[in-house]
């Protein structure tokens, strides 16, 4: 609780999907909050983050779903997050601690980032604390024994929603590369990696720590994969030998 009896807003990264990878701080924060917001889409249920909220929330904690806006219209997205921020700010002013749970790390391609900015606009003086979580690509590296970087190597993390030319440039550059937010672009990404001779140094992990987890060290096995195989997926491309 902050000064003047105002509450604190917490953005809590709950890790990739394994309850044992939740941090001690995340557990403590969630168990002490009066309300936990769970981001959902129009097309999905609470899933893992909802399970975490229910498992670690205090007995009198309110679990509240917030539908995150997928619209390409930036004005509509901003309005959506502004409305949620106004609601949270009111709870904070009443002295309640509030959390939003998010998959992976709270500051990496997370819905929390949009809400954080909106809340700063609505209430610049609000007490906000971000609780980091283990990222999906960290778990993917652990599952495949693929180092993310060593020595003087550098690592680039980028979403596959970008132009394929940018992915090509990153692969040609030879640095370690992590591709996230792959989705329906999985086959296009594999095409790029194969054409540039990078398949042999690439691994694929989807739904890390969740039911249906899939680990592939030969991406050719994904050529006949279902359309949703790229959802919640990560591809790690190891740095080339020239970068060692």
Protein backbone atom coordinates (compact mmCIF):
# COMPACT_ATOMS: atom_id res chain seq x y z
CA UNK A 1 0.00 0.00 0.00
CA UNK A 2 1.30 3.46 -0.88
CA UNK A 3 0.93 6.84 0.77
CA UNK A 4 -2.53 8.38 1.25
CA UNK A 5 -3.98 4.86 1.39
CA UNK A 6 -3.72 4.37 -2.37
CA UNK A 7 -3.18 0.87 -3.68
CA UNK A 8 -0.46 -0.44 -5.98
CA UNK A 9 -0.91 -1.83 -9.47
CA UNK A 10 1.22 -4.87 -10.27
CA UNK A 11 2.00 -6.29 -13.69
CA UNK A 12 2.87 -9.91 -13.00
CA UNK A 13 4.65 -12.13 -15.50
CA UNK A 14 3.65 -15.71 -14.69
CA UNK A 15 6.17 -17.48 -16.91
CA UNK A 16 5.67 -19.67 -19.96
CA UNK A 17 3.28 -22.26 -18.58
CA UNK A 18 4.88 -24.35 -15.85
CA UNK A 19 3.58 -23.55 -12.36
CA UNK A 20 6.97 -24.44 -10.88
CA UNK A 21 8.55 -21.59 -12.86
CA UNK A 22 6.38 -18.94 -11.21
CA UNK A 23 8.57 -16.68 -9.07
CA UNK A 24 8.18 -16.44 -5.30
CA UNK A 25 7.47 -12.73 -5.66
CA UNK A 26 4.69 -13.38 -8.17
CA UNK A 27 3.04 -15.80 -5.74
CA UNK A 28 3.33 -13.31 -2.87
CA UNK A 29 1.90 -10.42 -4.88
CA UNK A 30 -1.03 -12.41 -6.28
CA UNK A 31 -1.96 -13.75 -2.85
CA UNK A 32 -2.12 -10.23 -1.42
CA UNK A 33 -4.09 -8.35 -4.11
CA UNK A 34 -7.76 -7.45 -3.80
CA UNK A 35 -8.38 -7.87 -7.52
CA UNK A 36 -6.56 -9.71 -10.30
CA UNK A 37 -7.23 -8.87 -13.94
CA UNK A 38 -6.91 -11.73 -16.41
CA UNK A 39 -6.50 -10.77 -20.09
CA UNK A 40 -8.52 -12.87 -22.52
CA UNK A 41 -9.41 -12.57 -26.18
CA UNK A 42 -12.86 -12.80 -27.71
CA UNK A 43 -11.92 -16.24 -28.99
CA UNK A 44 -10.23 -17.84 -25.97
CA UNK A 45 -10.84 -18.65 -22.33
CA UNK A 46 -8.61 -17.67 -19.41
CA UNK A 47 -6.23 -20.57 -19.99
CA UNK A 48 -3.02 -20.78 -18.01
CA UNK A 49 -2.96 -17.22 -16.69
CA UNK A 50 -6.50 -17.66 -15.39
CA UNK A 51 -5.49 -20.87 -13.64
CA UNK A 52 -2.57 -19.06 -12.00
CA UNK A 53 -4.84 -16.25 -10.83
CA UNK A 54 -7.34 -18.67 -9.29
CA UNK A 55 -4.66 -20.86 -7.71
CA UNK A 56 -2.72 -18.12 -5.94
CA UNK A 57 -5.37 -15.46 -5.29
CA UNK A 58 -6.50 -14.80 -1.72
CA UNK A 59 -9.87 -16.22 -0.67
CA UNK A 60 -11.63 -12.83 -1.00
CA UNK A 61 -9.84 -11.70 -4.18
CA UNK A 62 -11.93 -10.73 -7.20
CA UNK A 63 -10.85 -12.34 -10.48
CA UNK A 64 -11.84 -10.06 -13.33
CA UNK A 65 -11.49 -10.85 -17.02
CA UNK A 66 -10.53 -8.07 -19.42
CA UNK A 67 -10.92 -8.71 -23.14
CA UNK A 68 -7.85 -7.36 -24.91
CA UNK A 69 -8.46 -5.52 -28.13
CA UNK A 70 -7.05 -7.09 -31.31
CA UNK A 71 -8.23 -4.34 -33.62
CA UNK A 72 -5.75 -2.88 -36.10
CA UNK A 73 -7.37 0.48 -35.39
CA UNK A 74 -5.01 2.23 -32.96
CA UNK A 75 -7.74 4.62 -31.80
CA UNK A 76 -10.01 1.74 -30.87
CA UNK A 77 -7.19 -0.05 -29.04
CA UNK A 78 -6.28 3.10 -27.13
CA UNK A 79 -9.90 3.67 -26.09
CA UNK A 80 -10.17 0.08 -24.90
CA UNK A 81 -7.09 0.27 -22.69
CA UNK A 82 -8.02 3.74 -21.46
CA UNK A 83 -11.37 2.45 -20.18
CA UNK A 84 -9.67 -0.42 -18.35
CA UNK A 85 -7.08 1.96 -16.89
CA UNK A 86 -9.81 4.27 -15.58
CA UNK A 87 -11.44 1.32 -13.82
CA UNK A 88 -8.15 0.21 -12.27
CA UNK A 89 -7.25 3.75 -11.18
CA UNK A 90 -10.54 3.95 -9.27
CA UNK A 91 -9.73 0.73 -7.44
CA UNK A 92 -6.27 2.04 -6.55
CA UNK A 93 -7.72 5.26 -5.16
CA UNK A 94 -10.01 3.20 -2.93
CA UNK A 95 -6.93 1.63 -1.37
CA UNK A 96 -6.97 -1.71 -3.18
CA UNK A 97 -3.93 -3.45 -4.61
CA UNK A 98 -4.59 -4.69 -8.14
CA UNK A 99 -2.66 -7.04 -10.43
CA UNK A 100 -2.75 -8.01 -14.07
CA UNK A 101 -1.32 -11.43 -14.93
CA UNK A 102 0.37 -12.03 -18.24
CA UNK A 103 2.05 -15.01 -19.88
CA UNK A 104 5.85 -15.05 -19.92
CA UNK A 105 7.57 -11.81 -18.95
CA UNK A 106 5.48 -8.72 -18.31
CA UNK A 107 7.68 -6.43 -20.41
CA UNK A 108 8.09 -8.60 -23.51
CA UNK A 109 5.33 -8.49 -26.16
CA UNK A 110 2.78 -8.33 -23.36
CA UNK A 111 -0.75 -6.92 -23.04
CA UNK A 112 0.44 -5.42 -19.76
CA UNK A 113 2.58 -2.89 -21.63
CA UNK A 114 -0.50 -1.28 -23.23
CA UNK A 115 -2.29 -1.09 -19.90
CA UNK A 116 0.80 0.28 -18.16
CA UNK A 117 0.97 3.19 -20.61
CA UNK A 118 -2.76 3.85 -20.34
CA UNK A 119 -2.65 3.89 -16.54
CA UNK A 120 0.29 6.31 -16.56
CA UNK A 121 -1.81 8.64 -18.71
CA UNK A 122 -4.91 8.31 -16.52
CA UNK A 123 -3.09 8.61 -13.19
CA UNK A 124 0.55 9.76 -13.51
CA UNK A 125 1.04 9.39 -9.77
CA UNK A 126 -0.18 5.82 -9.52
CA UNK A 127 2.09 3.34 -7.75
CA UNK A 128 3.04 0.68 -10.28
CA UNK A 129 5.37 -2.28 -9.90
CA UNK A 130 6.31 -4.78 -12.59
CA UNK A 131 7.09 -8.35 -11.52
CA UNK A 132 9.23 -10.06 -14.17
CA UNK A 133 8.58 -13.60 -15.31
CA UNK A 134 10.52 -16.27 -17.18
CA UNK A 135 10.15 -15.80 -20.92
CA UNK A 136 9.02 -18.51 -23.32
CA UNK A 137 12.32 -18.39 -25.18
CA UNK A 138 14.27 -18.97 -21.96
CA UNK A 139 12.29 -22.14 -21.38
CA UNK A 140 12.65 -23.11 -25.04
CA UNK A 141 16.43 -22.83 -24.71
CA UNK A 142 16.34 -24.99 -21.58
CA UNK A 143 14.16 -27.63 -23.25
CA UNK A 144 16.49 -27.92 -26.24
CA UNK A 145 19.87 -27.30 -24.56
CA UNK A 146 20.47 -24.50 -27.04
CA UNK A 147 22.44 -21.55 -25.60
CA UNK A 148 20.96 -18.15 -26.31
CA UNK A 149 24.37 -16.53 -26.35
CA UNK A 150 27.93 -17.12 -25.30
CA UNK A 151 31.22 -15.30 -25.46
CA UNK A 152 30.87 -12.17 -27.60
CA UNK A 153 27.74 -13.31 -29.41
CA UNK A 154 24.75 -10.99 -29.54
CA UNK A 155 21.09 -11.99 -29.50
CA UNK A 156 18.20 -10.47 -31.43
CA UNK A 157 14.61 -11.03 -30.28
CA UNK A 158 11.95 -10.10 -32.81
CA UNK A 159 8.32 -10.87 -33.67
CA UNK A 160 7.64 -12.85 -36.83
CA UNK A 161 4.83 -10.42 -37.64
CA UNK A 162 7.47 -8.18 -39.17
CA UNK A 163 8.32 -8.16 -42.86
CA UNK A 164 10.01 -11.40 -43.95
CA UNK A 165 12.81 -9.32 -45.44
CA UNK A 166 13.74 -8.22 -41.92
CA UNK A 167 13.86 -11.83 -40.77
CA UNK A 168 16.04 -12.71 -43.77
CA UNK A 169 18.41 -9.87 -42.90
CA UNK A 170 18.63 -11.05 -39.29
CA UNK A 171 19.41 -14.63 -40.35
CA UNK A 172 22.04 -13.53 -42.87
CA UNK A 173 23.66 -11.35 -40.19
CA UNK A 174 24.44 -14.54 -38.28
CA UNK A 175 23.60 -13.33 -34.79
CA UNK A 176 21.62 -15.48 -32.40
CA UNK A 177 17.95 -14.97 -33.23
CA UNK A 178 14.72 -15.57 -31.34
CA UNK A 179 11.48 -15.40 -33.31
CA UNK A 180 8.24 -14.96 -31.39
CA UNK A 181 4.59 -14.29 -32.29
CA UNK A 182 4.91 -16.71 -35.20
CA UNK A 183 1.30 -17.80 -35.64
CA UNK A 184 0.17 -18.42 -39.21
CA UNK A 185 3.56 -17.34 -40.60
CA UNK A 186 5.27 -20.57 -39.52
CA UNK A 187 5.68 -22.03 -43.02
CA UNK A 188 6.94 -18.72 -44.41
CA UNK A 189 9.54 -18.55 -41.63
CA UNK A 190 10.66 -22.13 -42.32
CA UNK A 191 10.97 -21.26 -46.02
CA UNK A 192 13.33 -18.40 -45.16
CA UNK A 193 15.44 -20.51 -42.81
CA UNK A 194 15.72 -23.33 -45.32
CA UNK A 195 16.62 -21.06 -48.23
CA UNK A 196 19.36 -19.40 -46.17
CA UNK A 197 20.76 -22.67 -44.85
CA UNK A 198 19.80 -21.95 -41.25
CA UNK A 199 17.53 -24.92 -40.52
CA UNK A 200 20.39 -26.95 -39.05
CA UNK A 201 20.95 -24.37 -36.34
CA UNK A 202 17.26 -23.78 -35.57
CA UNK A 203 14.91 -25.30 -32.99
CA UNK A 204 11.17 -24.93 -32.46
CA UNK A 205 9.16 -25.02 -29.23
CA UNK A 206 5.44 -24.37 -28.89
CA UNK A 207 3.23 -24.20 -25.80
CA UNK A 208 6.28 -24.47 -23.55
CA UNK A 209 5.23 -25.90 -20.19
CA UNK A 210 1.59 -26.16 -21.26
CA UNK A 211 -0.49 -29.16 -22.32
CA UNK A 212 0.37 -29.98 -25.93
CA UNK A 213 3.97 -28.82 -25.62
CA UNK A 214 5.93 -29.56 -28.79
CA UNK A 215 9.69 -29.55 -29.25
CA UNK A 216 11.29 -29.99 -32.67
CA UNK A 217 15.00 -29.89 -33.45
CA UNK A 218 14.33 -30.57 -37.13
CA UNK A 219 11.94 -27.94 -38.46
CA UNK A 220 11.26 -30.03 -41.56
CA UNK A 221 8.94 -32.05 -39.32
CA UNK A 222 6.66 -29.02 -39.24
CA UNK A 223 5.97 -28.96 -42.97
CA UNK A 224 2.68 -30.83 -42.49
CA UNK A 225 1.79 -29.14 -39.20
CA UNK A 226 -1.69 -27.82 -38.45
CA UNK A 227 -2.45 -24.17 -39.15
CA UNK A 228 -2.31 -23.33 -35.45
CA UNK A 229 1.09 -24.98 -34.88
CA UNK A 230 2.75 -21.57 -34.75
CA UNK A 231 0.59 -20.30 -31.89
CA UNK A 232 2.49 -19.71 -28.63
CA UNK A 233 5.62 -20.83 -30.46
CA UNK A 234 9.26 -19.78 -30.42
CA UNK A 235 12.02 -20.48 -32.91
CA UNK A 236 15.63 -20.10 -31.78
CA UNK A 237 18.27 -19.74 -34.49
CA UNK A 238 21.73 -20.26 -33.05
CA UNK A 239 24.47 -17.81 -33.99
CA UNK A 240 26.55 -18.86 -36.96
CA UNK A 241 30.10 -20.14 -36.46
CA UNK A 242 31.45 -16.82 -37.73
CA UNK A 243 29.85 -15.18 -34.69
CA UNK A 244 31.33 -17.60 -32.15
